Structures are given as structure tokens and as C-alpha cells.
Amino acid sequence: MDTNPPSPDPSSDPLPPSPGAPPPPPPAGTPPPAPGGAPQSYLPESLGPTAAPVIESNADERNWAMFCHLSCLAGFLTFFIHVPIPGLMNAVVAGVLWSLKKDTSAFINDQGKEALNFQITVFIGGLICFALAFVCIGFFLALGLAVATLILGIIAALKAKEGVVYRYPVCLRLIK
């Protein structure tokens, strides 16, 4: 009978390898290293094509795209001067900003259309909330819509300022 304990499996050993030892193999599913040893970015095939397209832009173009997304603030400013249709000014401001600069840059065109489509979606949601105000639920829905509009608009503006193509998670893309 053997009284020696079994030797531990070296692959499950949490200790680092000794100096001069070859590096451990990469985990399964990782891509091979790029030439020169530099890390490479990748998307696993299971995620599919989820990366946003890249559109080259300069600082001025990113600022205009950011202003298009910040058109969500127009509704909050005009709320205090009693514009009767909720969300109308958001769509008007986004549409004006987009139409002024859409021909000068692909990035402004893309982000301006995205902002305008989102503000049209907010406008439609505002009309639904207005109609539901008569059954006492519209006020609460409008409050949620306002908070979501503000948060998503700020996130989109920050992404546009970084030069990242942003897509709103809930948006009717009526303008192509």
C-alpha cells in the first residue's frame, strides 16, 4: 500500500510559475496575440455584431453632435413658459440643430438623426402621457419619461463628446 499522498495537479496550483518557466497557456476562447505581442481587442462570436460603427470626427463636430443630444434640455426650459404640447420643443431644437449641420459632417448627420428620432419618440410618449393624465396615471408616466429623457440625453451627449456613435435603447427610428 502506498503511503505517499498524491502529487497535486500543477495546472490548479495558485502559485506563480518559477522564473524562466514557460508562460501558462491562454484560457480557452481567447484570440491569439497580435504581432509584436500587443493586446488586441475582440468581440466573442457569441455576442454578435454589437460594436457601434466608428465615424471619424473632430472636436467641432463632436460639440455639434453633443448639442443635438442636449436638445432634451429644451423641454425642461420651455416647461416653465408653458408650451402646451409636451416634448415638442425637444424635437424642434434637435431638428433645427441637425438641419443646420447635417451636410457638413457624417458624424453630426448620424448623431443629429439619432437625437431627432429620440426626441420624436419622447414627443409621442408625451402625447400618450397627456392623454393618460385623464385617468390619473399620465402624470406618473410623464415624470418617468422626463427622468429617462434627461438621463439618456446626458449619456448620449457625453458619448458624442467622446466621439462615440451612440444609439438610444428605446427609439423609433423614423428618420433614416
C-alpha atoms as a PDB file:
ATOM      1  CA  MET A   1       0.000   0.000   0.000  1.00  0.00           C
ATOM      2  CA  ASP A   2       1.350   3.415  -0.971  1.00  0.00           C
ATOM      3  CA  THR A   3       1.537   5.874   1.952  1.00  0.00           C
ATOM      4  CA  ASN A   4       2.668   8.886  -0.089  1.00  0.00           C
ATOM      5  CA  PRO A   5      -0.045  11.446  -0.785  1.00  0.00           C
ATOM      6  CA  PRO A   6      -0.852  12.019  -4.465  1.00  0.00           C
ATOM      7  CA  SER A   7       1.036  14.899  -6.056  1.00  0.00           C
ATOM      8  CA  PRO A   8      -1.092  17.993  -6.669  1.00  0.00           C
ATOM      9  CA  ASP A   9      -2.124  18.875 -10.207  1.00  0.00           C
ATOM     10  CA  PRO A  10       0.290  21.619 -11.412  1.00  0.00           C
ATOM     11  CA  SER A  11      -2.429  23.323 -13.502  1.00  0.00           C
ATOM     12  CA  SER A  12      -4.541  24.005 -10.393  1.00  0.00           C
ATOM     13  CA  ASP A  13      -1.582  25.377  -8.392  1.00  0.00           C
ATOM     14  CA  PRO A  14      -2.259  29.035  -7.428  1.00  0.00           C
ATOM     15  CA  LEU A  15       1.468  29.792  -7.082  1.00  0.00           C
ATOM     16  CA  PRO A  16       3.118  31.753  -9.907  1.00  0.00           C
ATOM     17  CA  PRO A  17       5.466  29.828 -12.191  1.00  0.00           C
ATOM     18  CA  SER A  18       9.129  29.865 -11.352  1.00  0.00           C
ATOM     19  CA  PRO A  19      11.355  32.328 -13.226  1.00  0.00           C
ATOM     20  CA  GLY A  20      12.438  31.002 -16.580  1.00  0.00           C
ATOM     21  CA  ALA A  21       9.460  28.655 -16.857  1.00  0.00           C
ATOM     22  CA  PRO A  22       7.320  28.995 -19.986  1.00  0.00           C
ATOM     23  CA  PRO A  23       4.149  31.082 -19.536  1.00  0.00           C
ATOM     24  CA  PRO A  24       0.928  29.171 -18.950  1.00  0.00           C
ATOM     25  CA  PRO A  25      -1.295  28.637 -21.989  1.00  0.00           C
ATOM     26  CA  PRO A  26      -4.053  31.253 -22.528  1.00  0.00           C
ATOM     27  CA  PRO A  27      -7.583  30.361 -21.408  1.00  0.00           C
ATOM     28  CA  ALA A  28      -9.793  28.688 -23.960  1.00  0.00           C
ATOM     29  CA  GLY A  29     -11.588  31.072 -26.293  1.00  0.00           C
ATOM     30  CA  THR A  30      -9.027  33.904 -26.230  1.00  0.00           C
ATOM     31  CA  PRO A  31      -7.661  35.124 -29.555  1.00  0.00           C
ATOM     32  CA  PRO A  32      -4.029  34.616 -30.434  1.00  0.00           C
ATOM     33  CA  PRO A  33      -1.758  37.525 -29.552  1.00  0.00           C
ATOM     34  CA  ALA A  34      -1.319  40.224 -32.160  1.00  0.00           C
ATOM     35  CA  PRO A  35       2.025  40.510 -33.937  1.00  0.00           C
ATOM     36  CA  GLY A  36       4.547  42.218 -31.715  1.00  0.00           C
ATOM     37  CA  GLY A  37       2.875  40.992 -28.530  1.00  0.00           C
ATOM     38  CA  ALA A  38       0.453  43.933 -28.331  1.00  0.00           C
ATOM     39  CA  PRO A  39      -3.000  43.116 -26.936  1.00  0.00           C
ATOM     40  CA  GLN A  40      -5.804  43.078 -29.438  1.00  0.00           C
ATOM     41  CA  SER A  41      -9.448  43.883 -28.826  1.00  0.00           C
ATOM     42  CA  TYR A  42     -12.087  41.478 -29.979  1.00  0.00           C
ATOM     43  CA  LEU A  43     -15.711  40.559 -29.576  1.00  0.00           C
ATOM     44  CA  PRO A  44     -16.573  36.968 -28.824  1.00  0.00           C
ATOM     45  CA  GLU A  45     -18.601  35.397 -31.622  1.00  0.00           C
ATOM     46  CA  SER A  46     -21.418  34.704 -29.150  1.00  0.00           C
ATOM     47  CA  LEU A  47     -22.113  38.425 -28.772  1.00  0.00           C
ATOM     48  CA  GLY A  48     -22.555  39.028 -32.479  1.00  0.00           C
ATOM     49  CA  PRO A  49     -22.062  42.414 -34.121  1.00  0.00           C
ATOM     50  CA  THR A  50     -22.702  44.679 -31.131  1.00  0.00           C
ATOM     51  CA  ALA A  51     -19.939  47.216 -31.654  1.00  0.00           C
ATOM     52  CA  ALA A  52     -21.022  50.702 -32.716  1.00  0.00           C
ATOM     53  CA  PRO A  53     -19.734  51.879 -36.062  1.00  0.00           C
ATOM     54  CA  VAL A  54     -16.839  54.303 -35.962  1.00  0.00           C
ATOM     55  CA  ILE A  55     -17.174  57.662 -37.710  1.00  0.00           C
ATOM     56  CA  GLU A  56     -14.159  59.946 -37.715  1.00  0.00           C
ATOM     57  CA  SER A  57     -14.885  63.364 -36.206  1.00  0.00           C
ATOM     58  CA  ASN A  58     -13.062  66.437 -34.969  1.00  0.00           C
ATOM     59  CA  ALA A  59     -13.769  68.440 -31.808  1.00  0.00           C
ATOM     60  CA  ASP A  60     -16.157  70.870 -33.514  1.00  0.00           C
ATOM     61  CA  GLU A  61     -18.235  68.044 -34.985  1.00  0.00           C
ATOM     62  CA  ARG A  62     -18.364  66.293 -31.618  1.00  0.00           C
ATOM     63  CA  ASN A  63     -19.576  69.531 -29.981  1.00  0.00           C
ATOM     64  CA  TRP A  64     -22.408  69.940 -32.502  1.00  0.00           C
ATOM     65  CA  ALA A  65     -23.426  66.300 -32.019  1.00  0.00           C
ATOM     66  CA  MET A  66     -23.387  66.855 -28.254  1.00  0.00           C
ATOM     67  CA  PHE A  67     -25.649  69.911 -28.654  1.00  0.00           C
ATOM     68  CA  CYS A  68     -28.084  67.831 -30.711  1.00  0.00           C
ATOM     69  CA  HIS A  69     -28.345  65.321 -27.859  1.00  0.00           C
ATOM     70  CA  LEU A  70     -28.666  68.089 -25.267  1.00  0.00           C
ATOM     71  CA  SER A  71     -31.809  69.279 -27.039  1.00  0.00           C
ATOM     72  CA  CYS A  72     -33.594  67.238 -24.372  1.00  0.00           C
ATOM     73  CA  LEU A  73     -32.986  70.189 -22.060  1.00  0.00           C
ATOM     74  CA  ALA A  74     -35.183  72.431 -24.250  1.00  0.00           C
ATOM     75  CA  GLY A  75     -38.288  70.706 -22.953  1.00  0.00           C
ATOM     76  CA  PHE A  76     -37.297  71.357 -19.367  1.00  0.00           C
ATOM     77  CA  LEU A  77     -36.593  75.024 -20.092  1.00  0.00           C
ATOM     78  CA  THR A  78     -39.832  75.564 -22.001  1.00  0.00           C
ATOM     79  CA  PHE A  79     -41.848  73.737 -19.348  1.00  0.00           C
ATOM     80  CA  PHE A  80     -41.651  76.890 -17.268  1.00  0.00           C
ATOM     81  CA  ILE A  81     -43.076  79.056 -20.050  1.00  0.00           C
ATOM     82  CA  HIS A  82     -45.991  76.631 -20.552  1.00  0.00           C
ATOM     83  CA  VAL A  83     -45.517  75.161 -24.011  1.00  0.00           C
ATOM     84  CA  PRO A  84     -48.776  73.188 -24.255  1.00  0.00           C
ATOM     85  CA  ILE A  85     -47.505  70.094 -26.074  1.00  0.00           C
ATOM     86  CA  PRO A  86     -45.027  68.017 -24.032  1.00  0.00           C
ATOM     87  CA  GLY A  87     -41.761  67.240 -25.797  1.00  0.00           C
ATOM     88  CA  LEU A  88     -42.450  69.450 -28.808  1.00  0.00           C
ATOM     89  CA  MET A  89     -39.551  71.832 -28.175  1.00  0.00           C
ATOM     90  CA  ASN A  90     -37.133  68.922 -27.764  1.00  0.00           C
ATOM     91  CA  ALA A  91     -37.901  67.713 -31.288  1.00  0.00           C
ATOM     92  CA  VAL A  92     -37.873  71.236 -32.743  1.00  0.00           C
ATOM     93  CA  VAL A  93     -34.466  72.093 -31.279  1.00  0.00           C
ATOM     94  CA  ALA A  94     -32.964  68.735 -32.295  1.00  0.00           C
ATOM     95  CA  GLY A  95     -34.381  69.147 -35.805  1.00  0.00           C
ATOM     96  CA  VAL A  96     -33.042  72.682 -36.212  1.00  0.00           C
ATOM     97  CA  LEU A  97     -29.554  71.765 -34.960  1.00  0.00           C
ATOM     98  CA  TRP A  98     -29.434  68.684 -37.182  1.00  0.00           C
ATOM     99  CA  SER A  99     -30.666  70.511 -40.289  1.00  0.00           C
ATOM    100  CA  LEU A 100     -28.085  73.280 -39.815  1.00  0.00           C
ATOM    101  CA  LYS A 101     -25.074  70.938 -39.832  1.00  0.00           C
ATOM    102  CA  LYS A 102     -26.175  67.642 -41.395  1.00  0.00           C
ATOM    103  CA  ASP A 103     -24.368  68.300 -44.677  1.00  0.00           C
ATOM    104  CA  THR A 104     -21.048  69.268 -43.093  1.00  0.00           C
ATOM    105  CA  SER A 105     -20.220  66.038 -41.263  1.00  0.00           C
ATOM    106  CA  ALA A 106     -21.217  62.380 -41.315  1.00  0.00           C
ATOM    107  CA  PHE A 107     -20.889  62.267 -37.508  1.00  0.00           C
ATOM    108  CA  ILE A 108     -23.223  65.244 -36.977  1.00  0.00           C
ATOM    109  CA  ASN A 109     -25.648  63.812 -39.527  1.00  0.00           C
ATOM    110  CA  ASP A 110     -25.728  60.424 -37.779  1.00  0.00           C
ATOM    111  CA  GLN A 111     -25.962  61.734 -34.218  1.00  0.00           C
ATOM    112  CA  GLY A 112     -28.371  64.528 -35.169  1.00  0.00           C
ATOM    113  CA  LYS A 113     -30.742  61.990 -36.740  1.00  0.00           C
ATOM    114  CA  GLU A 114     -30.440  59.793 -33.664  1.00  0.00           C
ATOM    115  CA  ALA A 115     -31.203  62.731 -31.345  1.00  0.00           C
ATOM    116  CA  LEU A 116     -34.122  63.866 -33.513  1.00  0.00           C
ATOM    117  CA  ASN A 117     -35.588  60.354 -33.670  1.00  0.00           C
ATOM    118  CA  PHE A 118     -35.308  60.042 -29.900  1.00  0.00           C
ATOM    119  CA  GLN A 119     -36.943  63.426 -29.330  1.00  0.00           C
ATOM    120  CA  ILE A 120     -39.786  62.461 -31.694  1.00  0.00           C
ATOM    121  CA  THR A 121     -40.180  59.291 -29.621  1.00  0.00           C
ATOM    122  CA  VAL A 122     -40.267  61.419 -26.454  1.00  0.00           C
ATOM    123  CA  PHE A 123     -42.852  63.708 -28.084  1.00  0.00           C
ATOM    124  CA  ILE A 124     -45.090  60.720 -28.893  1.00  0.00           C
ATOM    125  CA  GLY A 125     -44.599  59.432 -25.347  1.00  0.00           C
ATOM    126  CA  GLY A 126     -45.518  62.893 -24.020  1.00  0.00           C
ATOM    127  CA  LEU A 127     -48.746  62.864 -26.023  1.00  0.00           C
ATOM    128  CA  ILE A 128     -49.602  59.441 -24.613  1.00  0.00           C
ATOM    129  CA  CYS A 129     -48.869  60.682 -21.087  1.00  0.00           C
ATOM    130  CA  PHE A 130     -51.046  63.746 -21.720  1.00  0.00           C
ATOM    131  CA  ALA A 131     -53.924  61.509 -22.850  1.00  0.00           C
ATOM    132  CA  LEU A 132     -53.469  59.223 -19.845  1.00  0.00           C
ATOM    133  CA  ALA A 133     -53.457  62.181 -17.451  1.00  0.00           C
ATOM    134  CA  PHE A 134     -57.244  61.992 -17.528  1.00  0.00           C
ATOM    135  CA  VAL A 135     -57.093  58.591 -15.821  1.00  0.00           C
ATOM    136  CA  CYS A 136     -54.549  59.797 -13.226  1.00  0.00           C
ATOM    137  CA  ILE A 137     -51.646  57.666 -14.420  1.00  0.00           C
ATOM    138  CA  GLY A 138     -50.307  60.048 -17.065  1.00  0.00           C
ATOM    139  CA  PHE A 139     -48.629  62.302 -14.522  1.00  0.00           C
ATOM    140  CA  PHE A 140     -46.519  59.473 -13.147  1.00  0.00           C
ATOM    141  CA  LEU A 141     -45.653  58.220 -16.625  1.00  0.00           C
ATOM    142  CA  ALA A 142     -44.700  61.756 -17.687  1.00  0.00           C
ATOM    143  CA  LEU A 143     -42.425  62.055 -14.669  1.00  0.00           C
ATOM    144  CA  GLY A 144     -40.713  58.776 -15.595  1.00  0.00           C
ATOM    145  CA  LEU A 145     -40.463  59.883 -19.223  1.00  0.00           C
ATOM    146  CA  ALA A 146     -38.872  63.178 -18.183  1.00  0.00           C
ATOM    147  CA  VAL A 147     -36.285  61.470 -15.977  1.00  0.00           C
ATOM    148  CA  ALA A 148     -35.447  58.894 -18.670  1.00  0.00           C
ATOM    149  CA  THR A 149     -35.173  61.641 -21.310  1.00  0.00           C
ATOM    150  CA  LEU A 150     -32.809  63.650 -19.152  1.00  0.00           C
ATOM    151  CA  ILE A 151     -30.598  60.696 -18.209  1.00  0.00           C
ATOM    152  CA  LEU A 152     -30.413  59.203 -21.715  1.00  0.00           C
ATOM    153  CA  GLY A 153     -29.839  62.636 -23.270  1.00  0.00           C
ATOM    154  CA  ILE A 154     -26.916  63.358 -20.957  1.00  0.00           C
ATOM    155  CA  ILE A 155     -25.402  59.906 -21.556  1.00  0.00           C
ATOM    156  CA  ALA A 156     -25.723  60.414 -25.326  1.00  0.00           C
ATOM    157  CA  ALA A 157     -24.196  63.900 -25.106  1.00  0.00           C
ATOM    158  CA  LEU A 158     -21.211  62.580 -23.169  1.00  0.00           C
ATOM    159  CA  LYS A 159     -20.700  59.751 -25.673  1.00  0.00           C
ATOM    160  CA  ALA A 160     -20.941  62.192 -28.597  1.00  0.00           C
ATOM    161  CA  LYS A 161     -18.401  64.465 -26.910  1.00  0.00           C
ATOM    162  CA  GLU A 162     -16.031  61.453 -26.775  1.00  0.00           C
ATOM    163  CA  GLY A 163     -16.651  60.798 -30.483  1.00  0.00           C
ATOM    164  CA  VAL A 164     -18.555  57.561 -29.862  1.00  0.00           C
ATOM    165  CA  VAL A 165     -21.566  56.746 -32.035  1.00  0.00           C
ATOM    166  CA  TYR A 166     -24.462  56.406 -29.562  1.00  0.00           C
ATOM    167  CA  ARG A 167     -27.769  54.613 -30.057  1.00  0.00           C
ATOM    168  CA  TYR A 168     -30.673  55.199 -27.684  1.00  0.00           C
ATOM    169  CA  PRO A 169     -32.033  51.939 -26.268  1.00  0.00           C
ATOM    170  CA  VAL A 170     -35.700  52.877 -26.886  1.00  0.00           C
ATOM    171  CA  CYS A 171     -36.147  54.922 -30.027  1.00  0.00           C
ATOM    172  CA  LEU A 172     -38.419  54.950 -33.062  1.00  0.00           C
ATOM    173  CA  ARG A 173     -36.038  55.498 -35.952  1.00  0.00           C
ATOM    174  CA  LEU A 174     -38.426  57.349 -38.239  1.00  0.00           C
ATOM    175  CA  ILE A 175     -35.800  59.481 -39.983  1.00  0.00           C
ATOM    176  CA  LYS A 176     -33.286  57.339 -41.808  1.00  0.00           C
END
